[in-house]
Amino acid sequence: MNAAVAVERNMAVEERLAKLESDLAHVRSDVADVKDDIRGLRTELHSFKDEFHSFETDVVKEFGAVRTSIESLRTSIEKAKLWMLVTGVGAVILTTFATLGRVLKLF
């Protein structure tokens, strides 16, 4: 570190100024590159936002379809339960009357 300071002190003011100008040119070039990269990222970010919004819309539609399917399934299950209950009760009543009829024929 001290050697670098000693070298800079020995340099002429004009040499130091030329070195600073050269370094500043590199910094400006780097800043311009960073700005270009940021512009590119901004464009990609807007594109990503559009794609994400489209994806979000598709997901909402699909979940709506799933909800509709579930409700339809629930309705079908309720109808099947009612059918089974009515059929079961009807079979029990039919069996009861048939058995009762046979029993009454015996007497």
C-alpha atoms as a PDB file:
ATOM      1  CA  MET A   1       0.000   0.000   0.000  1.00  0.00           C
ATOM      2  CA  ASN A   2       2.779   2.441   0.901  1.00  0.00           C
ATOM      3  CA  ALA A   3       4.590   1.604  -2.327  1.00  0.00           C
ATOM      4  CA  ALA A   4       1.524   2.544  -4.348  1.00  0.00           C
ATOM      5  CA  VAL A   5       1.248   5.867  -2.537  1.00  0.00           C
ATOM      6  CA  ALA A   6       4.928   6.563  -3.114  1.00  0.00           C
ATOM      7  CA  VAL A   7       4.581   5.830  -6.845  1.00  0.00           C
ATOM      8  CA  GLU A   8       1.613   8.156  -7.138  1.00  0.00           C
ATOM      9  CA  ARG A   9       3.468  10.967  -5.396  1.00  0.00           C
ATOM     10  CA  ASN A  10       6.344  10.615  -7.819  1.00  0.00           C
ATOM     11  CA  MET A  11       4.033  10.754 -10.860  1.00  0.00           C
ATOM     12  CA  ALA A  12       3.612  14.095 -12.428  1.00  0.00           C
ATOM     13  CA  VAL A  13       0.278  15.786 -12.059  1.00  0.00           C
ATOM     14  CA  GLU A  14      -0.378  15.425 -15.776  1.00  0.00           C
ATOM     15  CA  GLU A  15       0.312  11.673 -15.656  1.00  0.00           C
ATOM     16  CA  ARG A  16      -2.038  11.280 -12.728  1.00  0.00           C
ATOM     17  CA  LEU A  17      -4.685  13.287 -14.538  1.00  0.00           C
ATOM     18  CA  ALA A  18      -4.272  11.139 -17.666  1.00  0.00           C
ATOM     19  CA  LYS A  19      -4.601   7.989 -15.543  1.00  0.00           C
ATOM     20  CA  LEU A  20      -7.744   9.352 -13.863  1.00  0.00           C
ATOM     21  CA  GLU A  21      -9.249  10.253 -17.238  1.00  0.00           C
ATOM     22  CA  SER A  22      -8.505   6.770 -18.526  1.00  0.00           C
ATOM     23  CA  ASP A  23     -10.026   5.190 -15.427  1.00  0.00           C
ATOM     24  CA  LEU A  24     -13.045   7.480 -15.722  1.00  0.00           C
ATOM     25  CA  ALA A  25     -13.530   6.392 -19.343  1.00  0.00           C
ATOM     26  CA  HIS A  26     -13.635   2.778 -18.176  1.00  0.00           C
ATOM     27  CA  VAL A  27     -16.122   3.685 -15.445  1.00  0.00           C
ATOM     28  CA  ARG A  28     -18.350   5.481 -17.965  1.00  0.00           C
ATOM     29  CA  SER A  29     -18.195   2.472 -20.263  1.00  0.00           C
ATOM     30  CA  ASP A  30     -19.120   0.179 -17.389  1.00  0.00           C
ATOM     31  CA  VAL A  31     -21.998   2.459 -16.342  1.00  0.00           C
ATOM     32  CA  ALA A  32     -23.304   2.469 -19.922  1.00  0.00           C
ATOM     33  CA  ASP A  33     -23.151  -1.352 -19.954  1.00  0.00           C
ATOM     34  CA  VAL A  34     -25.032  -1.487 -16.655  1.00  0.00           C
ATOM     35  CA  LYS A  35     -27.697   0.873 -18.021  1.00  0.00           C
ATOM     36  CA  ASP A  36     -28.128  -1.332 -21.093  1.00  0.00           C
ATOM     37  CA  ASP A  37     -28.420  -4.401 -18.876  1.00  0.00           C
ATOM     38  CA  ILE A  38     -31.042  -2.666 -16.742  1.00  0.00           C
ATOM     39  CA  ARG A  39     -33.066  -1.732 -19.823  1.00  0.00           C
ATOM     40  CA  GLY A  40     -32.939  -5.340 -20.982  1.00  0.00           C
ATOM     41  CA  LEU A  41     -33.988  -6.578 -17.555  1.00  0.00           C
ATOM     42  CA  ARG A  42     -36.834  -4.075 -17.482  1.00  0.00           C
ATOM     43  CA  THR A  43     -38.111  -5.413 -20.817  1.00  0.00           C
ATOM     44  CA  GLU A  44     -37.826  -9.000 -19.597  1.00  0.00           C
ATOM     45  CA  LEU A  45     -39.587  -8.084 -16.345  1.00  0.00           C
ATOM     46  CA  HIS A  46     -42.541  -6.591 -18.237  1.00  0.00           C
ATOM     47  CA  SER A  47     -42.706  -9.706 -20.386  1.00  0.00           C
ATOM     48  CA  PHE A  48     -42.627 -11.892 -17.277  1.00  0.00           C
ATOM     49  CA  LYS A  49     -45.405  -9.837 -15.682  1.00  0.00           C
ATOM     50  CA  ASP A  50     -47.594 -10.350 -18.749  1.00  0.00           C
ATOM     51  CA  GLU A  51     -46.921 -14.095 -18.791  1.00  0.00           C
ATOM     52  CA  PHE A  52     -47.547 -14.386 -15.056  1.00  0.00           C
ATOM     53  CA  HIS A  53     -50.835 -12.501 -15.346  1.00  0.00           C
ATOM     54  CA  SER A  54     -51.895 -14.835 -18.143  1.00  0.00           C
ATOM     55  CA  PHE A  55     -50.919 -17.845 -16.025  1.00  0.00           C
ATOM     56  CA  GLU A  56     -52.840 -16.437 -13.065  1.00  0.00           C
ATOM     57  CA  THR A  57     -55.950 -16.034 -15.220  1.00  0.00           C
ATOM     58  CA  ASP A  58     -55.632 -19.627 -16.469  1.00  0.00           C
ATOM     59  CA  VAL A  59     -55.258 -20.937 -12.912  1.00  0.00           C
ATOM     60  CA  VAL A  60     -58.373 -19.060 -11.778  1.00  0.00           C
ATOM     61  CA  LYS A  61     -60.348 -20.528 -14.688  1.00  0.00           C
ATOM     62  CA  GLU A  62     -59.121 -24.049 -13.941  1.00  0.00           C
ATOM     63  CA  PHE A  63     -59.969 -23.759 -10.249  1.00  0.00           C
ATOM     64  CA  GLY A  64     -63.442 -22.583 -11.246  1.00  0.00           C
ATOM     65  CA  ALA A  65     -63.811 -25.667 -13.426  1.00  0.00           C
ATOM     66  CA  VAL A  66     -62.633 -27.883 -10.566  1.00  0.00           C
ATOM     67  CA  ARG A  67     -65.174 -26.296  -8.209  1.00  0.00           C
ATOM     68  CA  THR A  68     -67.929 -26.896 -10.739  1.00  0.00           C
ATOM     69  CA  SER A  69     -66.867 -30.521 -11.117  1.00  0.00           C
ATOM     70  CA  ILE A  70     -66.832 -31.026  -7.358  1.00  0.00           C
ATOM     71  CA  GLU A  71     -70.308 -29.548  -7.015  1.00  0.00           C
ATOM     72  CA  SER A  72     -71.543 -31.800  -9.809  1.00  0.00           C
ATOM     73  CA  LEU A  73     -70.001 -34.796  -8.070  1.00  0.00           C
ATOM     74  CA  ARG A  74     -71.644 -33.826  -4.779  1.00  0.00           C
ATOM     75  CA  THR A  75     -75.017 -33.590  -6.507  1.00  0.00           C
ATOM     76  CA  SER A  76     -74.517 -37.011  -8.088  1.00  0.00           C
ATOM     77  CA  ILE A  77     -73.568 -38.522  -4.741  1.00  0.00           C
ATOM     78  CA  GLU A  78     -76.636 -37.033  -3.066  1.00  0.00           C
ATOM     79  CA  LYS A  79     -78.868 -38.404  -5.836  1.00  0.00           C
ATOM     80  CA  ALA A  80     -77.248 -41.832  -5.516  1.00  0.00           C
ATOM     81  CA  LYS A  81     -77.708 -41.803  -1.733  1.00  0.00           C
ATOM     82  CA  LEU A  82     -81.363 -40.877  -2.112  1.00  0.00           C
ATOM     83  CA  TRP A  83     -81.873 -43.609  -4.732  1.00  0.00           C
ATOM     84  CA  MET A  84     -80.192 -46.180  -2.489  1.00  0.00           C
ATOM     85  CA  LEU A  85     -82.291 -45.092   0.492  1.00  0.00           C
ATOM     86  CA  VAL A  86     -85.565 -45.250  -1.456  1.00  0.00           C
ATOM     87  CA  THR A  87     -84.641 -48.576  -3.039  1.00  0.00           C
ATOM     88  CA  GLY A  88     -83.553 -50.027   0.318  1.00  0.00           C
ATOM     89  CA  VAL A  89     -86.676 -48.886   2.124  1.00  0.00           C
ATOM     90  CA  GLY A  90     -88.827 -50.179  -0.754  1.00  0.00           C
ATOM     91  CA  ALA A  91     -87.103 -53.569  -0.596  1.00  0.00           C
ATOM     92  CA  VAL A  92     -87.607 -53.785   3.155  1.00  0.00           C
ATOM     93  CA  ILE A  93     -91.284 -52.867   2.857  1.00  0.00           C
ATOM     94  CA  LEU A  94     -91.768 -55.331  -0.022  1.00  0.00           C
ATOM     95  CA  THR A  95     -90.056 -58.099   1.933  1.00  0.00           C
ATOM     96  CA  THR A  96     -92.109 -57.269   5.022  1.00  0.00           C
ATOM     97  CA  PHE A  97     -95.417 -57.425   3.104  1.00  0.00           C
ATOM     98  CA  ALA A  98     -94.394 -60.614   1.329  1.00  0.00           C
ATOM     99  CA  THR A  99     -93.465 -62.265   4.606  1.00  0.00           C
ATOM    100  CA  LEU A 100     -96.605 -60.957   6.292  1.00  0.00           C
ATOM    101  CA  GLY A 101     -98.726 -62.258   3.408  1.00  0.00           C
ATOM    102  CA  ARG A 102     -97.216 -65.739   3.688  1.00  0.00           C
ATOM    103  CA  VAL A 103     -97.647 -65.744   7.413  1.00  0.00           C
ATOM    104  CA  LEU A 104    -101.293 -64.731   7.117  1.00  0.00           C
ATOM    105  CA  LYS A 105    -101.924 -67.470   4.501  1.00  0.00           C
ATOM    106  CA  LEU A 106    -100.748 -70.061   7.005  1.00  0.00           C
ATOM    107  CA  PHE A 107    -103.383 -69.086   9.520  1.00  0.00           C
END
